[in-house]
Protein backbone atom coordinates (compact mmCIF):
# COMPACT_ATOMS: atom_id res chain seq x y z
CA MET A 1 101.05 90.94 139.02
CA THR A 2 98.07 88.81 138.02
CA PHE A 3 95.28 88.14 140.50
CA SER A 4 92.54 85.53 140.38
CA ARG A 5 89.80 88.08 139.71
CA PRO A 6 89.85 89.98 136.39
CA ASP A 7 88.32 93.04 138.09
CA ALA A 8 91.02 93.26 140.77
CA GLU A 9 92.70 96.66 140.80
CA VAL A 10 95.91 98.25 142.01
CA LEU A 11 96.61 101.88 142.87
CA VAL A 12 100.08 103.26 143.58
CA PRO A 13 99.41 106.85 144.71
CA ASP A 14 102.86 108.24 143.88
CA GLY A 15 103.01 106.48 140.52
CA VAL A 16 106.03 104.21 140.96
CA ALA A 17 105.96 100.70 139.54
CA LEU A 18 104.05 98.15 141.63
CA ASP A 19 107.15 96.00 142.15
CA ARG A 20 108.95 98.97 143.66
CA ALA A 21 105.91 99.92 145.77
CA LEU A 22 105.77 96.42 147.22
CA ALA A 23 109.52 96.18 147.71
CA ARG A 24 109.53 99.31 149.91
CA THR A 25 106.49 98.15 151.92
CA THR A 26 107.15 97.53 155.60
CA GLN A 27 103.57 97.16 156.88
CA VAL A 28 100.54 95.57 155.24
CA GLY A 29 96.89 95.81 156.23
CA ILE A 30 94.46 93.15 154.99
CA GLY A 31 90.80 94.02 155.50
CA ALA A 32 87.56 92.48 154.33
CA HIS A 33 85.74 95.61 153.21
CA GLN A 34 86.42 99.11 151.99
CA ASP A 35 86.98 101.20 155.19
CA ASP A 36 88.06 98.27 157.40
CA LEU A 37 91.73 99.22 157.05
CA GLU A 38 91.15 102.78 158.17
CA ILE A 39 89.17 101.59 161.21
CA MET A 40 91.42 98.74 162.37
CA ALA A 41 94.91 99.33 160.96
CA TRP A 42 95.20 103.07 161.61
CA SER A 43 98.23 102.49 163.84
CA GLY A 44 100.23 101.05 160.95
CA ILE A 45 98.96 103.65 158.50
CA LEU A 46 99.87 106.43 160.92
CA GLU A 47 103.32 105.06 161.65
CA CYS A 48 104.13 104.98 157.95
CA PHE A 49 102.56 108.40 157.31
CA ASP A 50 104.98 109.89 159.84
CA SER A 51 108.03 108.02 158.51
CA ASP A 52 110.55 108.65 155.75
CA THR A 53 111.41 104.96 155.52
CA ASP A 54 108.28 102.94 156.34
CA TRP A 55 105.48 102.34 153.85
CA PHE A 56 101.96 100.95 154.25
CA THR A 57 100.27 98.81 151.62
CA GLY A 58 96.56 98.11 151.94
CA ILE A 59 94.68 95.08 150.67
CA THR A 60 90.88 95.13 150.57
CA VAL A 61 89.56 91.66 149.89
CA THR A 62 85.92 92.00 148.83
CA ASP A 63 84.20 93.79 145.96
CA GLY A 64 82.03 96.16 147.99
CA GLY A 65 78.77 94.45 147.12
CA GLY A 66 75.89 93.85 149.50
CA SER A 67 76.22 97.10 151.43
CA ALA A 68 73.27 98.48 153.36
CA ARG A 69 71.89 101.51 151.52
CA SER A 70 69.72 104.36 152.73
CA GLY A 71 69.58 108.16 152.62
CA PRO A 72 71.20 109.56 149.47
CA TYR A 73 72.28 106.05 148.48
CA ALA A 74 68.87 104.40 148.91
CA THR A 75 68.32 103.93 145.18
CA THR A 76 71.94 103.08 144.34
CA SER A 77 72.26 99.70 142.63
CA ASP A 78 74.63 97.08 143.97
CA GLU A 79 76.93 97.49 140.96
CA GLU A 80 76.98 101.26 141.42
CA MET A 81 77.74 100.83 145.12
CA LYS A 82 80.68 98.57 144.32
CA GLN A 83 82.21 101.30 142.17
CA ILE A 84 81.52 104.01 144.75
CA ARG A 85 83.14 102.01 147.54
CA ARG A 86 86.21 101.22 145.47
CA THR A 87 86.57 104.90 144.60
CA GLU A 88 86.34 105.82 148.29
CA GLN A 89 89.06 103.31 149.12
CA ARG A 90 91.34 104.80 146.48
CA LYS A 91 90.75 108.28 147.93
CA ALA A 92 91.69 107.11 151.42
CA ALA A 93 94.87 105.47 150.14
CA THR A 94 95.86 108.68 148.38
CA MET A 95 95.14 110.86 151.43
CA ALA A 96 97.50 108.86 153.68
CA ASP A 97 100.20 108.18 151.07
CA TYR A 98 99.87 104.40 150.97
CA SER A 99 102.66 102.67 149.09
CA ALA A 100 99.99 100.70 147.23
CA MET A 101 96.29 99.93 147.51
CA ILE A 102 95.16 96.56 146.17
CA GLN A 103 91.48 95.70 145.86
CA LEU A 104 91.07 91.99 145.13
CA CYS A 105 87.31 92.22 144.48
CA HIS A 106 86.31 88.76 145.71
CA PRO A 107 82.64 88.15 146.50
CA SER A 108 82.09 87.48 150.19
CA ALA A 109 81.04 83.91 149.36
CA VAL A 110 84.56 83.16 148.13
CA VAL A 111 86.11 84.58 151.29
CA LYS A 112 83.90 82.39 153.47
CA ASP A 113 84.46 79.19 151.45
CA PRO A 114 87.21 77.16 153.16
CA ASN A 115 87.59 75.02 150.04
CA ASN A 116 88.32 77.92 147.69
CA PRO A 117 92.06 78.75 147.57
CA ALA A 118 91.74 81.88 145.39
CA LEU A 119 92.02 84.48 148.14
CA ALA A 120 94.91 82.80 149.95
CA THR A 121 96.74 82.50 146.63
CA ASP A 122 96.29 86.21 145.91
CA LEU A 123 97.45 87.17 149.40
CA LYS A 124 100.48 84.92 149.17
CA ALA A 125 101.53 86.62 145.92
CA VAL A 126 101.47 90.05 147.56
CA LEU A 127 103.14 88.99 150.80
CA GLU A 128 106.01 87.13 149.18
CA ARG A 129 106.81 90.20 147.07
CA SER A 130 106.41 92.76 149.84
CA ARG A 131 107.81 90.77 152.79
CA PRO A 132 106.39 93.22 155.36
CA ARG A 133 107.65 93.48 158.90
CA ILE A 134 104.10 93.46 160.28
CA VAL A 135 100.65 92.53 158.98
CA TYR A 136 97.38 93.84 160.40
CA THR A 137 94.13 91.95 159.79
CA HIS A 138 90.93 90.99 161.59
CA ASN A 139 90.97 89.17 164.93
CA LEU A 140 89.74 85.63 165.55
CA CYS A 141 86.91 86.78 167.85
CA ASP A 142 85.31 89.21 165.40
CA LYS A 143 81.57 88.56 164.92
CA HIS A 144 81.45 89.24 161.17
CA ASP A 145 81.70 85.99 159.17
CA THR A 146 83.54 87.62 156.27
CA HIS A 147 86.13 89.02 158.69
CA ILE A 148 86.74 85.54 160.08
CA GLY A 149 87.08 84.24 156.54
CA VAL A 150 89.72 86.89 155.87
CA VAL A 151 91.87 86.19 158.93
CA LEU A 152 91.81 82.45 158.27
CA ASN A 153 92.85 83.05 154.66
CA VAL A 154 95.63 85.35 155.87
CA LEU A 155 96.90 82.54 158.10
CA ARG A 156 96.61 80.11 155.22
CA ALA A 157 98.61 82.42 152.94
CA ILE A 158 101.36 83.16 155.45
CA ARG A 159 101.72 79.51 156.44
CA SER A 160 102.27 78.65 152.77
CA LEU A 161 105.32 80.96 152.69
CA PRO A 162 108.84 79.84 153.59
CA ARG A 163 109.60 80.78 157.17
CA THR A 164 112.41 83.08 156.05
CA VAL A 165 110.00 85.42 154.26
CA ARG A 166 107.07 85.42 156.68
CA PRO A 167 106.19 88.68 158.44
CA GLY A 168 107.69 89.18 161.86
CA ARG A 169 104.34 89.98 163.44
CA LEU A 170 100.66 89.38 162.74
CA VAL A 171 98.07 91.46 164.62
CA GLY A 172 94.30 90.86 164.64
CA CYS A 173 92.47 94.16 165.14
CA GLU A 174 89.09 95.47 166.29
CA VAL A 175 86.13 96.09 164.02
CA TRP A 176 83.01 94.03 164.80
CA ARG A 177 83.95 93.38 168.43
CA ASN A 178 86.10 95.35 170.80
CA LEU A 179 89.12 93.66 172.33
CA ASP A 180 88.99 95.43 175.69
CA TRP A 181 88.13 92.07 177.30
CA LEU A 182 91.56 90.62 176.45
CA ALA A 183 93.90 90.35 179.42
CA ASP A 184 96.02 93.50 179.50
CA GLU A 185 99.22 91.49 179.19
CA ASP A 186 97.84 89.92 175.99
CA LYS A 187 96.70 93.14 174.33
CA VAL A 188 98.68 94.64 171.48
CA VAL A 189 98.20 98.29 172.51
CA MET A 190 98.58 100.75 169.64
CA ASP A 191 98.72 104.47 170.39
CA VAL A 192 96.85 106.50 167.77
CA SER A 193 96.80 109.83 169.60
CA ALA A 194 98.53 111.72 166.79
CA HIS A 195 96.77 113.15 163.74
CA ASP A 196 93.27 112.56 165.10
CA ALA A 197 91.85 114.99 162.54
CA LEU A 198 93.40 112.97 159.73
CA GLY A 199 92.03 109.79 161.30
CA ALA A 200 88.55 111.28 161.33
CA ALA A 201 88.93 112.43 157.73
CA MET A 202 90.13 109.01 156.60
CA VAL A 203 87.09 107.22 158.00
CA GLY A 204 84.91 110.07 156.79
CA VAL A 205 85.95 109.44 153.18
CA PHE A 206 83.57 106.48 153.13
CA ASP A 207 80.46 108.58 152.74
CA SER A 208 78.51 105.73 151.15
CA GLN A 209 78.57 103.97 154.51
CA ILE A 210 78.19 107.01 156.78
CA ALA A 211 75.46 108.87 154.91
CA GLY A 212 74.03 105.47 154.09
CA GLY A 213 73.13 104.96 157.72
CA LYS A 214 76.19 103.91 159.74
CA ARG A 215 78.19 106.54 161.67
CA TYR A 216 81.49 104.70 161.50
CA ASP A 217 83.35 108.01 161.74
CA LEU A 218 81.95 108.85 165.19
CA ALA A 219 82.01 105.26 166.43
CA THR A 220 85.61 104.61 165.42
CA LEU A 221 87.09 107.69 167.07
CA GLY A 222 84.84 107.11 170.07
CA ARG A 223 86.21 103.58 170.47
CA TRP A 224 89.81 104.83 170.26
CA ARG A 225 89.10 107.47 172.91
CA ALA A 226 87.22 105.02 175.14
CA ASN A 227 90.08 102.52 174.94
CA ALA A 228 92.52 105.20 176.06
CA THR A 229 90.39 106.27 179.02
CA PHE A 230 89.29 102.85 180.22
CA PHE A 231 92.64 101.11 179.76
CA SER A 232 93.74 101.74 183.32
CA SER A 233 91.56 102.55 186.34
CA HIS A 234 94.32 103.85 188.60
CA THR A 235 96.34 106.15 186.34
CA THR A 236 95.59 109.27 184.35
CA ASP A 237 95.26 108.91 180.59
CA GLN A 238 98.60 108.45 178.86
CA ALA A 239 97.08 108.66 175.37
CA THR A 240 94.00 110.14 173.72
CA GLY A 241 93.45 107.19 171.38
CA LEU A 242 94.26 103.48 171.56
CA ILE A 243 93.53 100.55 169.28
CA TYR A 244 93.72 97.05 170.73
CA GLY A 245 94.99 94.06 168.84
CA MET A 246 95.20 90.32 169.38
CA ASP A 247 98.72 88.99 168.78
CA LEU A 248 98.38 86.25 166.17
CA THR A 249 102.13 85.88 165.67
CA PRO A 250 102.30 82.49 167.45
CA LEU A 251 100.01 81.10 164.74
CA ILE A 252 102.52 81.93 161.99
CA ALA A 253 105.51 80.83 164.07
CA ASP A 254 104.01 77.40 164.79
CA ASP A 255 101.86 75.94 162.00
CA SER A 256 100.59 73.18 164.30
CA LEU A 257 98.65 75.66 166.45
CA ASP A 258 94.91 75.53 165.85
CA PRO A 259 93.33 79.01 165.41
CA ALA A 260 90.13 77.94 167.19
CA ALA A 261 92.09 76.58 170.16
CA TYR A 262 94.17 79.76 170.24
CA ALA A 263 91.03 81.92 170.40
CA ARG A 264 89.52 79.63 173.02
CA GLY A 265 92.58 80.10 175.20
CA HIS A 266 91.96 83.86 175.31
CA LEU A 267 88.27 83.33 176.05
CA GLU A 268 89.01 80.89 178.86
CA LYS A 269 91.50 83.31 180.36
CA PHE A 270 88.81 86.01 180.34
CA THR A 271 86.34 83.65 182.02
CA GLN A 272 88.86 82.74 184.70
CA ASP A 273 89.57 86.41 185.40
CA VAL A 274 85.87 87.23 185.82
CA MET A 275 85.25 84.23 188.07
CA ALA A 276 88.31 84.96 190.21
CA ARG A 277 87.25 88.58 190.81
CA ILE A 278 83.77 87.52 191.88
CA ALA A 279 85.16 84.76 194.09
CA LYS A 280 87.24 87.26 196.07
CA PHE A 281 84.05 88.81 197.49
CA THR A 282 81.72 85.84 197.86
């Protein structure tokens, strides 16, 4: 498979041909940066890790450049950091037995350029060969511009596919904004209680980010635990870890739906809920 970037790379941990690795894929995660998949798409990774028939393929979109650097990585050049982050992503994919790990190596500027079709073209090529049952990506209310660029390119890629080969479900997940504010009936609730030690190890692989000044390992597992505890106020905890998702499936079932209007609908529903609760007591 040829991608638009000459430095794009593919890893198949068990060594089978890429065509076979994609053909057996049932779930795909598409994240902006190295470590995004392990933070947001752990539910899909975990489901495939525990299955004899399901396989997870990861796609990391950007090249790893521009990372904040401190501590032992304070003097690391941007080019060196790119290589370190790609190596960390390969290690994570190997640890959790991904079917394939594809790093497209686009600069963030390409991802955020609505007039550049390169990323959507690359994603389309992978999705039409893998035909996954479910795709995990960023949600429309994330506050990171590159993440928004990714989810919009994912929509662009899927909408360019024939309807018969589109994924059955598209889920936008939490990274740079929690989704606990979504109405409970609108949440995609993913139980990640199992293998919490493996989950911690997977996020911990990305030492360049953690030792570099961001404790993503502690924050990620803390968010999963907090979601589980604060999900319901009147019942005991039914899980020890939850990830919330925004169901984006309607946007790939109906191409006329506007992503901005779809996000606004969730925000307006949240506003109405807050106002209604206050109104009951005033």
